[in-house]
Amino acid sequence: MADQTNEGAAESGKAYWTANLRVIKWSLVIWALVSFGFGILLRPLLSGIPVGGTDLGFWFAQQGSILVFMALIFFYAWRMNKLDREHGVDEE
């Protein structure tokens, strides 16, 4: 009986960390795309789109990547709280 409980806990822990790593991976992909991709690599393509008196590529390099990073922080905190509740490892 104890072996089944340990196996269930191990499977639940594995599912929790799989979901956790998936959230981290996609957050990093979005962050890299916005900061490095839009701000540096795709800047020449975005230079013709005006935003706030400057072009979109410059905006992403200076402000957009920071705003997206802050949004990702709030999304990560919200999503991890939800995952914690789903897997029974929340702090409450």
C-alpha atoms as a PDB file:
ATOM      1  CA  MET A   1       0.000   0.000   0.000  1.00  0.00           C
ATOM      2  CA  ALA A   2       2.856   2.375   0.823  1.00  0.00           C
ATOM      3  CA  ASP A   3       4.474   1.642  -2.539  1.00  0.00           C
ATOM      4  CA  GLN A   4       1.301   2.713  -4.360  1.00  0.00           C
ATOM      5  CA  THR A   5       1.182   5.949  -2.355  1.00  0.00           C
ATOM      6  CA  ASN A   6       4.836   6.656  -3.158  1.00  0.00           C
ATOM      7  CA  GLU A   7       4.255   5.901  -6.838  1.00  0.00           C
ATOM      8  CA  GLY A   8       1.227   8.210  -6.916  1.00  0.00           C
ATOM      9  CA  ALA A   9       3.196  10.976  -5.230  1.00  0.00           C
ATOM     10  CA  ALA A  10       6.077  10.480  -7.655  1.00  0.00           C
ATOM     11  CA  GLU A  11       3.717  10.646 -10.650  1.00  0.00           C
ATOM     12  CA  SER A  12       2.055  13.765  -9.250  1.00  0.00           C
ATOM     13  CA  GLY A  13       5.440  15.369  -8.619  1.00  0.00           C
ATOM     14  CA  LYS A  14       6.564  14.506 -12.130  1.00  0.00           C
ATOM     15  CA  ALA A  15       3.388  16.011 -13.623  1.00  0.00           C
ATOM     16  CA  TYR A  16       3.864  19.142 -11.507  1.00  0.00           C
ATOM     17  CA  TRP A  17       7.461  19.655 -12.629  1.00  0.00           C
ATOM     18  CA  THR A  18       6.605  18.909 -16.250  1.00  0.00           C
ATOM     19  CA  ALA A  19       3.946  21.636 -16.169  1.00  0.00           C
ATOM     20  CA  ASN A  20       6.319  23.963 -14.281  1.00  0.00           C
ATOM     21  CA  LEU A  21       9.104  23.498 -16.833  1.00  0.00           C
ATOM     22  CA  ARG A  22       6.642  24.012 -19.697  1.00  0.00           C
ATOM     23  CA  VAL A  23       5.612  27.399 -18.260  1.00  0.00           C
ATOM     24  CA  ILE A  24       9.263  28.373 -17.766  1.00  0.00           C
ATOM     25  CA  LYS A  25      10.225  27.260 -21.280  1.00  0.00           C
ATOM     26  CA  TRP A  26       7.456  29.227 -23.013  1.00  0.00           C
ATOM     27  CA  SER A  27       8.089  32.295 -20.857  1.00  0.00           C
ATOM     28  CA  LEU A  28      11.755  32.250 -21.855  1.00  0.00           C
ATOM     29  CA  VAL A  29      10.880  31.744 -25.525  1.00  0.00           C
ATOM     30  CA  ILE A  30       8.516  34.738 -25.478  1.00  0.00           C
ATOM     31  CA  TRP A  31      11.040  36.868 -23.599  1.00  0.00           C
ATOM     32  CA  ALA A  32      13.861  35.977 -26.024  1.00  0.00           C
ATOM     33  CA  LEU A  33      11.662  36.570 -29.054  1.00  0.00           C
ATOM     34  CA  VAL A  34      10.552  39.981 -27.839  1.00  0.00           C
ATOM     35  CA  SER A  35      13.880  41.238 -26.483  1.00  0.00           C
ATOM     36  CA  PHE A  36      16.385  39.702 -28.886  1.00  0.00           C
ATOM     37  CA  GLY A  37      14.161  38.979 -31.882  1.00  0.00           C
ATOM     38  CA  PHE A  38      12.038  42.121 -32.117  1.00  0.00           C
ATOM     39  CA  GLY A  39      14.606  44.471 -30.600  1.00  0.00           C
ATOM     40  CA  ILE A  40      17.675  43.348 -32.570  1.00  0.00           C
ATOM     41  CA  LEU A  41      17.113  40.786 -35.318  1.00  0.00           C
ATOM     42  CA  LEU A  42      13.786  42.006 -36.692  1.00  0.00           C
ATOM     43  CA  ARG A  43      14.411  45.715 -36.098  1.00  0.00           C
ATOM     44  CA  PRO A  44      14.978  46.526 -39.793  1.00  0.00           C
ATOM     45  CA  LEU A  45      11.641  44.898 -40.679  1.00  0.00           C
ATOM     46  CA  LEU A  46       9.826  46.810 -37.927  1.00  0.00           C
ATOM     47  CA  SER A  47      11.425  50.183 -38.685  1.00  0.00           C
ATOM     48  CA  GLY A  48       8.579  51.356 -40.929  1.00  0.00           C
ATOM     49  CA  ILE A  49       5.876  50.974 -38.262  1.00  0.00           C
ATOM     50  CA  PRO A  50       5.580  54.158 -36.175  1.00  0.00           C
ATOM     51  CA  VAL A  51       4.834  53.908 -32.445  1.00  0.00           C
ATOM     52  CA  GLY A  52       4.911  56.964 -30.192  1.00  0.00           C
ATOM     53  CA  GLY A  53       7.128  59.025 -32.466  1.00  0.00           C
ATOM     54  CA  THR A  54       9.667  56.267 -33.120  1.00  0.00           C
ATOM     55  CA  ASP A  55       9.721  52.983 -35.006  1.00  0.00           C
ATOM     56  CA  LEU A  56       8.422  49.718 -33.568  1.00  0.00           C
ATOM     57  CA  GLY A  57      11.835  47.993 -33.500  1.00  0.00           C
ATOM     58  CA  PHE A  58      13.360  50.774 -31.387  1.00  0.00           C
ATOM     59  CA  TRP A  59      10.285  50.764 -29.132  1.00  0.00           C
ATOM     60  CA  PHE A  60      10.665  47.026 -28.483  1.00  0.00           C
ATOM     61  CA  ALA A  61      14.374  47.431 -27.786  1.00  0.00           C
ATOM     62  CA  GLN A  62      13.843  50.295 -25.326  1.00  0.00           C
ATOM     63  CA  GLN A  63      10.450  49.768 -23.705  1.00  0.00           C
ATOM     64  CA  GLY A  64       8.517  46.878 -25.187  1.00  0.00           C
ATOM     65  CA  SER A  65      10.812  44.125 -23.956  1.00  0.00           C
ATOM     66  CA  ILE A  66      10.703  45.537 -20.415  1.00  0.00           C
ATOM     67  CA  LEU A  67       6.888  45.703 -20.446  1.00  0.00           C
ATOM     68  CA  VAL A  68       6.641  42.170 -21.817  1.00  0.00           C
ATOM     69  CA  PHE A  69       9.104  40.965 -19.169  1.00  0.00           C
ATOM     70  CA  MET A  70       6.975  42.535 -16.418  1.00  0.00           C
ATOM     71  CA  ALA A  71       3.837  40.951 -17.892  1.00  0.00           C
ATOM     72  CA  LEU A  72       5.628  37.588 -17.946  1.00  0.00           C
ATOM     73  CA  ILE A  73       6.500  37.944 -14.259  1.00  0.00           C
ATOM     74  CA  PHE A  74       2.835  38.464 -13.346  1.00  0.00           C
ATOM     75  CA  PHE A  75       1.727  35.660 -15.684  1.00  0.00           C
ATOM     76  CA  TYR A  76       4.298  33.277 -14.173  1.00  0.00           C
ATOM     77  CA  ALA A  77       3.212  34.074 -10.607  1.00  0.00           C
ATOM     78  CA  TRP A  78      -0.474  33.628 -11.507  1.00  0.00           C
ATOM     79  CA  ARG A  79       0.120  30.388 -13.418  1.00  0.00           C
ATOM     80  CA  MET A  80       2.357  28.872 -10.740  1.00  0.00           C
ATOM     81  CA  ASN A  81      -0.205  29.657  -8.029  1.00  0.00           C
ATOM     82  CA  LYS A  82      -2.798  27.873 -10.168  1.00  0.00           C
ATOM     83  CA  LEU A  83      -0.477  24.886 -10.721  1.00  0.00           C
ATOM     84  CA  ASP A  84       0.307  24.741  -6.999  1.00  0.00           C
ATOM     85  CA  ARG A  85      -3.409  24.567  -6.178  1.00  0.00           C
ATOM     86  CA  GLU A  86      -4.040  21.932  -8.862  1.00  0.00           C
ATOM     87  CA  HIS A  87      -1.264  19.679  -7.515  1.00  0.00           C
ATOM     88  CA  GLY A  88      -1.889  20.346  -3.825  1.00  0.00           C
ATOM     89  CA  VAL A  89       1.407  22.056  -3.056  1.00  0.00           C
ATOM     90  CA  ASP A  90       0.094  25.552  -2.403  1.00  0.00           C
ATOM     91  CA  GLU A  91       1.133  27.429   0.716  1.00  0.00           C
ATOM     92  CA  GLU A  92      -2.327  27.949   2.114  1.00  0.00           C
END
